[in-house]
């Protein structure tokens, strides 16, 4: 068959056309050698073919008796299994009908518990918890460092196992904006078991005129600032329904940006909170430029809180006297 007929035959069968190669030299001798019986082939034992009964051959009388015996045994086994299954089902039904007298008594008694008792117990527990919404006096005051005073207070101590605790940081300069931010973080973000770190900075270096006019020493001004920030933070927290709160107030002497950067870097914080703008007094624009500084430089998320706008209408509405009836008739 030539190449043309091979191509047509392959196309008809739907198989690809392969390139025909010439016969390999010596192929005929190799095929002949493979077909020769070798010595190792003779050493192989001859296969034994076991005779099998002809399937279409009719059975004799003995074979029919054996087959009948097998069928009879199978029927008896099936009947025994069925009887055993029925006995097990009957036992399960008896177990279902069994009544535990003690369990029945407890169930019936629980059905008659008045719903109002549960409400009373819940309210009683709630009232007891509300009585714990106080500060554990006295607070712990740390004056070990000359440039700061730290006061730690515990609020609403119930010692219950809480979720993972979070620590918030609030910057305070006693302005309306900073106090609102302090109230916002307590009332919005904090949950039972959290901690709040409130920082107030005494910036004497950048305000020499104010320091001279005040006439107070560094220790005296630091003491007054610590008392003020602790008083305001405790006043706001005392209005919150929070338990197991750790309140840490700290008054530090130094430049505002430097102190904030060091404290935020040192503490394990969840969020930093500050007001939206400053007071514009001689003590520095604490919540204006500082809030911008925190947003751009803090390694912790920062929330800048703006107080709600107070709409004041100074313009008085002019009221016109309605014309008299005589003027309308003219």
C-alpha atoms as a PDB file:
ATOM      1  CA  UNK A   1       0.000   0.000   0.000  1.00  0.00           C
ATOM      2  CA  UNK A   2       1.474   3.331  -1.086  1.00  0.00           C
ATOM      3  CA  UNK A   3       1.565   6.552   0.922  1.00  0.00           C
ATOM      4  CA  UNK A   4      -1.516   7.947  -0.828  1.00  0.00           C
ATOM      5  CA  UNK A   5      -3.674   4.944   0.028  1.00  0.00           C
ATOM      6  CA  UNK A   6      -2.300   4.995   3.611  1.00  0.00           C
ATOM      7  CA  UNK A   7      -3.354   8.636   3.960  1.00  0.00           C
ATOM      8  CA  UNK A   8      -6.863   7.905   2.714  1.00  0.00           C
ATOM      9  CA  UNK A   9      -7.213   4.879   4.963  1.00  0.00           C
ATOM     10  CA  UNK A  10      -6.057   6.838   8.043  1.00  0.00           C
ATOM     11  CA  UNK A  11      -8.418   9.735   7.277  1.00  0.00           C
ATOM     12  CA  UNK A  12     -11.329   7.311   6.906  1.00  0.00           C
ATOM     13  CA  UNK A  13     -10.630   5.807  10.344  1.00  0.00           C
ATOM     14  CA  UNK A  14     -10.136   9.245  11.943  1.00  0.00           C
ATOM     15  CA  UNK A  15      -6.558   8.524  13.085  1.00  0.00           C
ATOM     16  CA  UNK A  16      -3.524  10.719  12.471  1.00  0.00           C
ATOM     17  CA  UNK A  17      -1.186   9.787   9.614  1.00  0.00           C
ATOM     18  CA  UNK A  18       2.226   8.627  10.825  1.00  0.00           C
ATOM     19  CA  UNK A  19       5.427   8.794   8.825  1.00  0.00           C
ATOM     20  CA  UNK A  20       6.404   5.351   7.506  1.00  0.00           C
ATOM     21  CA  UNK A  21       9.952   4.300   8.317  1.00  0.00           C
ATOM     22  CA  UNK A  22      12.103   1.756   6.348  1.00  0.00           C
ATOM     23  CA  UNK A  23      12.460  -1.769   7.704  1.00  0.00           C
ATOM     24  CA  UNK A  24      15.197  -1.960  10.331  1.00  0.00           C
ATOM     25  CA  UNK A  25      18.174  -4.096   9.176  1.00  0.00           C
ATOM     26  CA  UNK A  26      18.490  -7.392  11.088  1.00  0.00           C
ATOM     27  CA  UNK A  27      14.894  -7.289  12.358  1.00  0.00           C
ATOM     28  CA  UNK A  28      14.057 -10.650  10.770  1.00  0.00           C
ATOM     29  CA  UNK A  29      16.954 -12.442  12.563  1.00  0.00           C
ATOM     30  CA  UNK A  30      15.898 -10.922  15.941  1.00  0.00           C
ATOM     31  CA  UNK A  31      12.303 -12.114  15.489  1.00  0.00           C
ATOM     32  CA  UNK A  32      13.531 -15.612  14.626  1.00  0.00           C
ATOM     33  CA  UNK A  33      15.704 -15.776  17.758  1.00  0.00           C
ATOM     34  CA  UNK A  34      12.802 -14.705  19.980  1.00  0.00           C
ATOM     35  CA  UNK A  35      10.635 -17.529  18.633  1.00  0.00           C
ATOM     36  CA  UNK A  36      13.219 -20.241  19.421  1.00  0.00           C
ATOM     37  CA  UNK A  37      12.717 -22.447  22.513  1.00  0.00           C
ATOM     38  CA  UNK A  38      15.491 -21.842  24.997  1.00  0.00           C
ATOM     39  CA  UNK A  39      16.833 -24.081  27.776  1.00  0.00           C
ATOM     40  CA  UNK A  40      15.302 -21.970  30.552  1.00  0.00           C
ATOM     41  CA  UNK A  41      11.905 -22.297  28.882  1.00  0.00           C
ATOM     42  CA  UNK A  42      12.133 -26.095  29.055  1.00  0.00           C
ATOM     43  CA  UNK A  43      12.837 -25.942  32.832  1.00  0.00           C
ATOM     44  CA  UNK A  44       9.425 -24.377  33.475  1.00  0.00           C
ATOM     45  CA  UNK A  45       6.900 -26.898  34.745  1.00  0.00           C
ATOM     46  CA  UNK A  46       3.949 -27.626  32.570  1.00  0.00           C
ATOM     47  CA  UNK A  47       0.706 -26.009  33.677  1.00  0.00           C
ATOM     48  CA  UNK A  48      -1.850 -28.298  35.284  1.00  0.00           C
ATOM     49  CA  UNK A  49      -5.366 -27.810  34.036  1.00  0.00           C
ATOM     50  CA  UNK A  50      -7.945 -28.845  36.619  1.00  0.00           C
ATOM     51  CA  UNK A  51     -11.136 -30.254  35.216  1.00  0.00           C
ATOM     52  CA  UNK A  52     -14.297 -28.319  36.006  1.00  0.00           C
ATOM     53  CA  UNK A  53     -17.824 -29.590  35.810  1.00  0.00           C
ATOM     54  CA  UNK A  54     -19.764 -28.700  32.760  1.00  0.00           C
ATOM     55  CA  UNK A  55     -22.229 -25.932  33.730  1.00  0.00           C
ATOM     56  CA  UNK A  56     -24.887 -27.142  31.320  1.00  0.00           C
ATOM     57  CA  UNK A  57     -24.585 -30.767  32.427  1.00  0.00           C
ATOM     58  CA  UNK A  58     -27.706 -32.030  34.267  1.00  0.00           C
ATOM     59  CA  UNK A  59     -27.109 -32.864  37.982  1.00  0.00           C
ATOM     60  CA  UNK A  60     -27.372 -36.380  39.228  1.00  0.00           C
ATOM     61  CA  UNK A  61     -29.509 -37.417  42.206  1.00  0.00           C
ATOM     62  CA  UNK A  62     -26.768 -36.927  44.837  1.00  0.00           C
ATOM     63  CA  UNK A  63     -25.964 -33.440  43.632  1.00  0.00           C
ATOM     64  CA  UNK A  64     -29.653 -32.505  43.655  1.00  0.00           C
ATOM     65  CA  UNK A  65     -29.941 -33.646  47.283  1.00  0.00           C
ATOM     66  CA  UNK A  66     -26.928 -31.551  48.298  1.00  0.00           C
ATOM     67  CA  UNK A  67     -28.326 -28.474  46.552  1.00  0.00           C
ATOM     68  CA  UNK A  68     -31.700 -28.965  48.219  1.00  0.00           C
ATOM     69  CA  UNK A  69     -30.009 -29.235  51.618  1.00  0.00           C
ATOM     70  CA  UNK A  70     -28.224 -25.923  51.028  1.00  0.00           C
ATOM     71  CA  UNK A  71     -31.465 -24.166  50.135  1.00  0.00           C
ATOM     72  CA  UNK A  72     -33.182 -25.573  53.236  1.00  0.00           C
ATOM     73  CA  UNK A  73     -30.362 -24.367  55.530  1.00  0.00           C
ATOM     74  CA  UNK A  74     -30.488 -20.913  53.961  1.00  0.00           C
ATOM     75  CA  UNK A  75     -34.239 -20.651  54.541  1.00  0.00           C
ATOM     76  CA  UNK A  76     -33.852 -21.721  58.188  1.00  0.00           C
ATOM     77  CA  UNK A  77     -31.054 -19.139  58.691  1.00  0.00           C
ATOM     78  CA  UNK A  78     -33.168 -16.346  57.191  1.00  0.00           C
ATOM     79  CA  UNK A  79     -36.109 -17.232  59.437  1.00  0.00           C
ATOM     80  CA  UNK A  80     -33.858 -17.251  62.514  1.00  0.00           C
ATOM     81  CA  UNK A  81     -32.408 -13.842  61.621  1.00  0.00           C
ATOM     82  CA  UNK A  82     -35.877 -12.403  61.079  1.00  0.00           C
ATOM     83  CA  UNK A  83     -37.096 -13.722  64.439  1.00  0.00           C
ATOM     84  CA  UNK A  84     -34.045 -12.265  66.186  1.00  0.00           C
ATOM     85  CA  UNK A  85     -34.648  -8.859  64.574  1.00  0.00           C
ATOM     86  CA  UNK A  86     -38.286  -8.862  65.693  1.00  0.00           C
ATOM     87  CA  UNK A  87     -37.235  -9.621  69.285  1.00  0.00           C
ATOM     88  CA  UNK A  88     -34.780  -6.699  69.261  1.00  0.00           C
ATOM     89  CA  UNK A  89     -37.468  -4.326  67.954  1.00  0.00           C
ATOM     90  CA  UNK A  90     -39.833  -5.431  70.744  1.00  0.00           C
ATOM     91  CA  UNK A  91     -37.133  -4.731  73.346  1.00  0.00           C
ATOM     92  CA  UNK A  92     -36.592  -1.248  71.909  1.00  0.00           C
ATOM     93  CA  UNK A  93     -40.324  -0.539  72.087  1.00  0.00           C
ATOM     94  CA  UNK A  94     -40.364  -1.608  75.748  1.00  0.00           C
ATOM     95  CA  UNK A  95     -37.463   0.764  76.443  1.00  0.00           C
ATOM     96  CA  UNK A  96     -39.366   3.589  74.769  1.00  0.00           C
ATOM     97  CA  UNK A  97     -42.370   2.993  77.006  1.00  0.00           C
ATOM     98  CA  UNK A  98     -40.233   2.950  80.136  1.00  0.00           C
ATOM     99  CA  UNK A  99     -40.925   5.989  82.372  1.00  0.00           C
ATOM    100  CA  UNK A 100     -38.269   7.395  84.710  1.00  0.00           C
ATOM    101  CA  UNK A 101     -40.285   8.507  87.731  1.00  0.00           C
ATOM    102  CA  UNK A 102     -37.597  10.900  89.025  1.00  0.00           C
ATOM    103  CA  UNK A 103     -37.155  12.544  85.629  1.00  0.00           C
ATOM    104  CA  UNK A 104     -40.926  12.889  85.243  1.00  0.00           C
ATOM    105  CA  UNK A 105     -41.208  14.531  88.689  1.00  0.00           C
ATOM    106  CA  UNK A 106     -38.464  17.063  87.923  1.00  0.00           C
ATOM    107  CA  UNK A 107     -39.962  17.879  84.535  1.00  0.00           C
ATOM    108  CA  UNK A 108     -43.409  18.478  85.983  1.00  0.00           C
ATOM    109  CA  UNK A 109     -42.033  20.657  88.760  1.00  0.00           C
ATOM    110  CA  UNK A 110     -40.106  22.778  86.277  1.00  0.00           C
ATOM    111  CA  UNK A 111     -43.251  23.414  84.272  1.00  0.00           C
ATOM    112  CA  UNK A 112     -44.806  25.285  87.190  1.00  0.00           C
ATOM    113  CA  UNK A 113     -42.002  27.818  87.835  1.00  0.00           C
ATOM    114  CA  UNK A 114     -43.647  31.271  87.574  1.00  0.00           C
ATOM    115  CA  UNK A 115     -42.093  33.472  84.909  1.00  0.00           C
ATOM    116  CA  UNK A 116     -42.177  36.475  87.230  1.00  0.00           C
ATOM    117  CA  UNK A 117     -39.639  34.801  89.548  1.00  0.00           C
ATOM    118  CA  UNK A 118     -37.035  34.814  86.810  1.00  0.00           C
ATOM    119  CA  UNK A 119     -37.644  38.496  86.161  1.00  0.00           C
ATOM    120  CA  UNK A 120     -37.369  39.308  89.865  1.00  0.00           C
ATOM    121  CA  UNK A 121     -34.099  37.417  90.154  1.00  0.00           C
ATOM    122  CA  UNK A 122     -32.720  39.171  87.086  1.00  0.00           C
ATOM    123  CA  UNK A 123     -33.694  42.597  88.409  1.00  0.00           C
ATOM    124  CA  UNK A 124     -32.243  41.760  91.810  1.00  0.00           C
ATOM    125  CA  UNK A 125     -28.947  40.756  90.223  1.00  0.00           C
ATOM    126  CA  UNK A 126     -28.963  43.922  88.126  1.00  0.00           C
ATOM    127  CA  UNK A 127     -29.561  46.099  91.212  1.00  0.00           C
ATOM    128  CA  UNK A 128     -26.713  44.393  93.042  1.00  0.00           C
ATOM    129  CA  UNK A 129     -24.391  45.038  90.111  1.00  0.00           C
ATOM    130  CA  UNK A 130     -25.428  48.695  89.962  1.00  0.00           C
ATOM    131  CA  UNK A 131     -24.393  49.080  93.586  1.00  0.00           C
ATOM    132  CA  UNK A 132     -20.861  48.141  92.495  1.00  0.00           C
ATOM    133  CA  UNK A 133     -20.608  51.145  90.135  1.00  0.00           C
ATOM    134  CA  UNK A 134     -18.248  53.000  92.458  1.00  0.00           C
ATOM    135  CA  UNK A 135     -14.519  53.627  92.684  1.00  0.00           C
ATOM    136  CA  UNK A 136     -12.438  51.392  94.886  1.00  0.00           C
ATOM    137  CA  UNK A 137     -10.863  53.931  97.235  1.00  0.00           C
ATOM    138  CA  UNK A 138      -8.214  54.980  97.715  1.00  0.00           C
ATOM    139  CA  UNK A 139      -6.532  55.254  94.292  1.00  0.00           C
ATOM    140  CA  UNK A 140      -2.872  54.329  93.897  1.00  0.00           C
ATOM    141  CA  UNK A 141      -0.619  57.362  93.326  1.00  0.00           C
ATOM    142  CA  UNK A 142       2.897  57.030  91.902  1.00  0.00           C
ATOM    143  CA  UNK A 143       5.345  59.940  92.407  1.00  0.00           C
ATOM    144  CA  UNK A 144       8.530  57.964  91.890  1.00  0.00           C
ATOM    145  CA  UNK A 145       9.520  60.126  88.893  1.00  0.00           C
ATOM    146  CA  UNK A 146      10.038  63.860  89.223  1.00  0.00           C
ATOM    147  CA  UNK A 147       8.513  64.712  85.837  1.00  0.00           C
ATOM    148  CA  UNK A 148       5.168  62.923  86.297  1.00  0.00           C
ATOM    149  CA  UNK A 149       2.409  61.837  88.663  1.00  0.00           C
ATOM    150  CA  UNK A 150       0.375  58.723  87.851  1.00  0.00           C
ATOM    151  CA  UNK A 151      -2.913  57.855  89.573  1.00  0.00           C
ATOM    152  CA  UNK A 152      -4.573  54.440  89.084  1.00  0.00           C
ATOM    153  CA  UNK A 153      -8.255  53.927  89.999  1.00  0.00           C
ATOM    154  CA  UNK A 154     -10.525  50.859  89.794  1.00  0.00           C
ATOM    155  CA  UNK A 155     -14.188  51.355  88.894  1.00  0.00           C
ATOM    156  CA  UNK A 156     -17.105  48.912  89.156  1.00  0.00           C
ATOM    157  CA  UNK A 157     -15.063  45.955  90.391  1.00  0.00           C
ATOM    158  CA  UNK A 158     -16.953  42.657  90.053  1.00  0.00           C
ATOM    159  CA  UNK A 159     -13.989  40.388  89.174  1.00  0.00           C
ATOM    160  CA  UNK A 160     -15.882  38.580  86.428  1.00  0.00           C
ATOM    161  CA  UNK A 161     -14.177  36.825  83.562  1.00  0.00           C
ATOM    162  CA  UNK A 162     -14.396  39.184  80.624  1.00  0.00           C
ATOM    163  CA  UNK A 163     -13.440  39.186  76.957  1.00  0.00           C
ATOM    164  CA  UNK A 164     -10.002  40.240  75.785  1.00  0.00           C
ATOM    165  CA  UNK A 165      -9.182  43.562  77.462  1.00  0.00           C
ATOM    166  CA  UNK A 166      -8.496  46.686  75.424  1.00  0.00           C
ATOM    167  CA  UNK A 167      -6.571  49.811  76.390  1.00  0.00           C
ATOM    168  CA  UNK A 168      -7.560  53.275  75.160  1.00  0.00           C
ATOM    169  CA  UNK A 169      -5.547  56.497  75.330  1.00  0.00           C
ATOM    170  CA  UNK A 170      -7.147  59.934  75.651  1.00  0.00           C
ATOM    171  CA  UNK A 171      -5.310  63.268  75.485  1.00  0.00           C
ATOM    172  CA  UNK A 172      -6.774  65.953  77.750  1.00  0.00           C
ATOM    173  CA  UNK A 173      -6.121  69.726  78.025  1.00  0.00           C
ATOM    174  CA  UNK A 174      -9.388  70.464  79.918  1.00  0.00           C
ATOM    175  CA  UNK A 175     -10.966  72.148  76.900  1.00  0.00           C
ATOM    176  CA  UNK A 176     -14.565  71.445  75.954  1.00  0.00           C
ATOM    177  CA  UNK A 177     -13.379  69.428  72.935  1.00  0.00           C
ATOM    178  CA  UNK A 178     -10.987  67.240  74.910  1.00  0.00           C
ATOM    179  CA  UNK A 179     -13.537  66.540  77.652  1.00  0.00           C
ATOM    180  CA  UNK A 180     -16.116  65.603  75.032  1.00  0.00           C
ATOM    181  CA  UNK A 181     -13.594  63.200  73.448  1.00  0.00           C
ATOM    182  CA  UNK A 182     -13.010  61.684  76.904  1.00  0.00           C
ATOM    183  CA  UNK A 183     -16.740  61.201  77.403  1.00  0.00           C
ATOM    184  CA  UNK A 184     -17.073  59.759  73.884  1.00  0.00           C
ATOM    185  CA  UNK A 185     -14.452  57.043  74.360  1.00  0.00           C
ATOM    186  CA  UNK A 186     -15.981  56.005  77.698  1.00  0.00           C
ATOM    187  CA  UNK A 187     -19.546  55.906  76.446  1.00  0.00           C
ATOM    188  CA  UNK A 188     -18.953  54.584  72.920  1.00  0.00           C
ATOM    189  CA  UNK A 189     -15.820  52.458  72.711  1.00  0.00           C
ATOM    190  CA  UNK A 190     -15.178  51.016  76.163  1.00  0.00           C
ATOM    191  CA  UNK A 191     -16.650  47.742  77.405  1.00  0.00           C
ATOM    192  CA  UNK A 192     -16.436  45.856  80.703  1.00  0.00           C
ATOM    193  CA  UNK A 193     -12.852  45.008  81.644  1.00  0.00           C
ATOM    194  CA  UNK A 194     -11.173  47.699  79.486  1.00  0.00           C
ATOM    195  CA  UNK A 195      -8.540  50.211  80.579  1.00  0.00           C
ATOM    196  CA  UNK A 196      -8.324  53.957  79.905  1.00  0.00           C
ATOM    197  CA  UNK A 197      -5.114  56.012  80.023  1.00  0.00           C
ATOM    198  CA  UNK A 198      -5.741  59.785  80.278  1.00  0.00           C
ATOM    199  CA  UNK A 199      -2.751  62.071  79.776  1.00  0.00           C
ATOM    200  CA  UNK A 200      -2.391  65.793  80.542  1.00  0.00           C
ATOM    201  CA  UNK A 201       0.849  67.597  79.641  1.00  0.00           C
ATOM    202  CA  UNK A 202       2.316  70.529  81.614  1.00  0.00           C
ATOM    203  CA  UNK A 203       4.164  72.459  78.907  1.00  0.00           C
ATOM    204  CA  UNK A 204       6.327  74.952  80.846  1.00  0.00           C
ATOM    205  CA  UNK A 205       9.090  75.213  78.255  1.00  0.00           C
ATOM    206  CA  UNK A 206       6.968  76.736  75.492  1.00  0.00           C
ATOM    207  CA  UNK A 207       5.015  79.049  77.840  1.00  0.00           C
ATOM    208  CA  UNK A 208       7.561  80.951  80.017  1.00  0.00           C
ATOM    209  CA  UNK A 209       5.307  84.007  80.328  1.00  0.00           C
ATOM    210  CA  UNK A 210       2.395  81.949  81.636  1.00  0.00           C
ATOM    211  CA  UNK A 211       4.700  80.149  84.078  1.00  0.00           C
ATOM    212  CA  UNK A 212       6.055  83.462  85.386  1.00  0.00           C
ATOM    213  CA  UNK A 213       2.555  84.921  85.731  1.00  0.00           C
ATOM    214  CA  UNK A 214       1.276  81.848  87.583  1.00  0.00           C
ATOM    215  CA  UNK A 215       4.136  81.881  90.074  1.00  0.00           C
ATOM    216  CA  UNK A 216       3.944  78.116  90.743  1.00  0.00           C
ATOM    217  CA  UNK A 217       6.841  75.709  90.914  1.00  0.00           C
ATOM    218  CA  UNK A 218       7.040  72.733  88.600  1.00  0.00           C
ATOM    219  CA  UNK A 219       6.074  70.326  91.389  1.00  0.00           C
ATOM    220  CA  UNK A 220       3.090  72.442  92.429  1.00  0.00           C
ATOM    221  CA  UNK A 221       1.756  72.833  88.890  1.00  0.00           C
ATOM    222  CA  UNK A 222       2.259  69.111  88.242  1.00  0.00           C
ATOM    223  CA  UNK A 223       0.313  68.297  91.412  1.00  0.00           C
ATOM    224  CA  UNK A 224      -2.594  70.573  90.492  1.00  0.00           C
ATOM    225  CA  UNK A 225      -2.736  69.215  86.932  1.00  0.00           C
ATOM    226  CA  UNK A 226      -2.792  65.627  88.240  1.00  0.00           C
ATOM    227  CA  UNK A 227      -5.640  66.442  90.630  1.00  0.00           C
ATOM    228  CA  UNK A 228      -7.618  68.180  87.883  1.00  0.00           C
ATOM    229  CA  UNK A 229      -7.278  65.428  85.240  1.00  0.00           C
ATOM    230  CA  UNK A 230      -8.056  62.710  87.806  1.00  0.00           C
ATOM    231  CA  UNK A 231     -11.127  64.606  89.046  1.00  0.00           C
ATOM    232  CA  UNK A 232     -12.533  65.155  85.537  1.00  0.00           C
ATOM    233  CA  UNK A 233     -11.878  61.599  84.379  1.00  0.00           C
ATOM    234  CA  UNK A 234     -13.490  60.099  87.489  1.00  0.00           C
ATOM    235  CA  UNK A 235     -16.460  62.469  87.194  1.00  0.00           C
ATOM    236  CA  UNK A 236     -17.205  61.338  83.628  1.00  0.00           C
ATOM    237  CA  UNK A 237     -16.566  57.637  84.279  1.00  0.00           C
ATOM    238  CA  UNK A 238     -18.878  57.747  87.312  1.00  0.00           C
ATOM    239  CA  UNK A 239     -21.780  58.294  84.879  1.00  0.00           C
ATOM    240  CA  UNK A 240     -21.050  55.139  82.862  1.00  0.00           C
ATOM    241  CA  UNK A 241     -22.555  51.659  83.232  1.00  0.00           C
ATOM    242  CA  UNK A 242     -19.197  49.883  83.031  1.00  0.00           C
ATOM    243  CA  UNK A 243     -17.585  47.242  85.238  1.00  0.00           C
ATOM    244  CA  UNK A 244     -13.999  46.241  85.996  1.00  0.00           C
ATOM    245  CA  UNK A 245     -12.578  49.435  84.495  1.00  0.00           C
ATOM    246  CA  UNK A 246      -8.986  50.487  85.145  1.00  0.00           C
ATOM    247  CA  UNK A 247      -8.564  54.277  84.950  1.00  0.00           C
ATOM    248  CA  UNK A 248      -5.009  55.635  84.765  1.00  0.00           C
ATOM    249  CA  UNK A 249      -4.511  59.411  84.811  1.00  0.00           C
ATOM    250  CA  UNK A 250      -1.068  60.858  84.255  1.00  0.00           C
ATOM    251  CA  UNK A 251       0.264  64.422  84.403  1.00  0.00           C
ATOM    252  CA  UNK A 252       3.661  64.842  82.723  1.00  0.00           C
ATOM    253  CA  UNK A 253       6.003  67.832  82.377  1.00  0.00           C
ATOM    254  CA  UNK A 254       7.424  68.380  78.880  1.00  0.00           C
ATOM    255  CA  UNK A 255       6.655  69.386  75.331  1.00  0.00           C
ATOM    256  CA  UNK A 256       3.299  68.087  74.218  1.00  0.00           C
ATOM    257  CA  UNK A 257       4.315  66.312  71.006  1.00  0.00           C
ATOM    258  CA  UNK A 258       7.376  64.691  72.566  1.00  0.00           C
ATOM    259  CA  UNK A 259       5.447  63.396  75.575  1.00  0.00           C
ATOM    260  CA  UNK A 260       2.576  62.023  73.468  1.00  0.00           C
ATOM    261  CA  UNK A 261       4.917  60.268  71.044  1.00  0.00           C
ATOM    262  CA  UNK A 262       6.856  58.561  73.862  1.00  0.00           C
ATOM    263  CA  UNK A 263       3.762  57.457  75.797  1.00  0.00           C
ATOM    264  CA  UNK A 264       1.950  56.079  72.736  1.00  0.00           C
ATOM    265  CA  UNK A 265       5.054  54.177  71.686  1.00  0.00           C
ATOM    266  CA  UNK A 266       5.503  52.715  75.177  1.00  0.00           C
ATOM    267  CA  UNK A 267       1.948  51.623  75.993  1.00  0.00           C
ATOM    268  CA  UNK A 268       0.074  48.594  74.484  1.00  0.00           C
ATOM    269  CA  UNK A 269      -2.830  50.643  73.103  1.00  0.00           C
ATOM    270  CA  UNK A 270      -5.889  49.787  71.045  1.00  0.00           C
ATOM    271  CA  UNK A 271      -6.833  53.356  70.040  1.00  0.00           C
ATOM    272  CA  UNK A 272      -5.821  56.986  70.658  1.00  0.00           C
ATOM    273  CA  UNK A 273      -8.603  59.573  71.092  1.00  0.00           C
ATOM    274  CA  UNK A 274      -8.311  63.378  71.050  1.00  0.00           C
ATOM    275  CA  UNK A 275     -10.513  66.412  70.434  1.00  0.00           C
ATOM    276  CA  UNK A 276     -10.809  68.248  67.139  1.00  0.00           C
ATOM    277  CA  UNK A 277      -9.437  71.671  68.009  1.00  0.00           C
ATOM    278  CA  UNK A 278      -7.744  73.641  70.798  1.00  0.00           C
ATOM    279  CA  UNK A 279      -8.752  76.397  73.147  1.00  0.00           C
ATOM    280  CA  UNK A 280      -6.477  79.064  71.682  1.00  0.00           C
ATOM    281  CA  UNK A 281      -5.161  80.066  75.120  1.00  0.00           C
ATOM    282  CA  UNK A 282      -1.602  80.653  76.275  1.00  0.00           C
ATOM    283  CA  UNK A 283      -1.216  76.982  77.251  1.00  0.00           C
ATOM    284  CA  UNK A 284      -1.068  75.936  73.598  1.00  0.00           C
ATOM    285  CA  UNK A 285      -3.336  74.678  70.860  1.00  0.00           C
ATOM    286  CA  UNK A 286      -3.372  71.193  72.334  1.00  0.00           C
ATOM    287  CA  UNK A 287      -6.154  69.719  70.221  1.00  0.00           C
ATOM    288  CA  UNK A 288      -5.518  71.537  66.977  1.00  0.00           C
ATOM    289  CA  UNK A 289      -2.025  71.008  65.693  1.00  0.00           C
ATOM    290  CA  UNK A 290      -1.523  68.104  68.097  1.00  0.00           C
ATOM    291  CA  UNK A 291      -4.430  66.116  66.683  1.00  0.00           C
ATOM    292  CA  UNK A 292      -2.907  66.521  63.222  1.00  0.00           C
ATOM    293  CA  UNK A 293       0.450  65.392  64.602  1.00  0.00           C
ATOM    294  CA  UNK A 294      -1.100  62.254  66.118  1.00  0.00           C
ATOM    295  CA  UNK A 295      -2.926  61.304  62.949  1.00  0.00           C
ATOM    296  CA  UNK A 296       0.273  61.475  60.895  1.00  0.00           C
ATOM    297  CA  UNK A 297       2.760  60.025  63.382  1.00  0.00           C
ATOM    298  CA  UNK A 298       0.959  57.599  65.706  1.00  0.00           C
ATOM    299  CA  UNK A 299       1.563  53.872  65.258  1.00  0.00           C
ATOM    300  CA  UNK A 300      -1.861  53.281  66.843  1.00  0.00           C
ATOM    301  CA  UNK A 301      -5.214  54.132  65.197  1.00  0.00           C
ATOM    302  CA  UNK A 302      -6.297  57.688  66.091  1.00  0.00           C
ATOM    303  CA  UNK A 303      -9.877  58.969  66.402  1.00  0.00           C
ATOM    304  CA  UNK A 304     -10.316  62.748  66.298  1.00  0.00           C
ATOM    305  CA  UNK A 305     -13.676  63.554  67.901  1.00  0.00           C
ATOM    306  CA  UNK A 306     -15.608  66.693  67.013  1.00  0.00           C
ATOM    307  CA  UNK A 307     -18.301  67.900  69.427  1.00  0.00           C
ATOM    308  CA  UNK A 308     -21.816  68.347  68.027  1.00  0.00           C
ATOM    309  CA  UNK A 309     -22.477  71.760  66.529  1.00  0.00           C
ATOM    310  CA  UNK A 310     -24.406  74.169  68.692  1.00  0.00           C
ATOM    311  CA  UNK A 311     -26.759  76.153  66.521  1.00  0.00           C
ATOM    312  CA  UNK A 312     -27.348  79.636  67.879  1.00  0.00           C
ATOM    313  CA  UNK A 313     -29.722  81.975  66.163  1.00  0.00           C
ATOM    314  CA  UNK A 314     -28.753  85.550  67.055  1.00  0.00           C
ATOM    315  CA  UNK A 315     -31.010  87.104  64.460  1.00  0.00           C
ATOM    316  CA  UNK A 316     -34.429  88.036  65.711  1.00  0.00           C
ATOM    317  CA  UNK A 317     -37.307  87.401  63.419  1.00  0.00           C
ATOM    318  CA  UNK A 318     -39.077  90.614  62.457  1.00  0.00           C
ATOM    319  CA  UNK A 319     -42.794  90.456  63.066  1.00  0.00           C
ATOM    320  CA  UNK A 320     -45.005  92.646  61.001  1.00  0.00           C
ATOM    321  CA  UNK A 321     -48.233  93.975  62.458  1.00  0.00           C
ATOM    322  CA  UNK A 322     -51.137  92.739  60.329  1.00  0.00           C
ATOM    323  CA  UNK A 323     -53.166  95.529  58.713  1.00  0.00           C
ATOM    324  CA  UNK A 324     -56.421  96.516  60.341  1.00  0.00           C
ATOM    325  CA  UNK A 325     -59.797  95.782  58.805  1.00  0.00           C
ATOM    326  CA  UNK A 326     -60.300  99.449  57.982  1.00  0.00           C
ATOM    327  CA  UNK A 327     -57.104  99.472  55.911  1.00  0.00           C
ATOM    328  CA  UNK A 328     -58.168  96.328  54.026  1.00  0.00           C
ATOM    329  CA  UNK A 329     -61.483  97.947  53.134  1.00  0.00           C
ATOM    330  CA  UNK A 330     -59.793 100.950  51.618  1.00  0.00           C
END
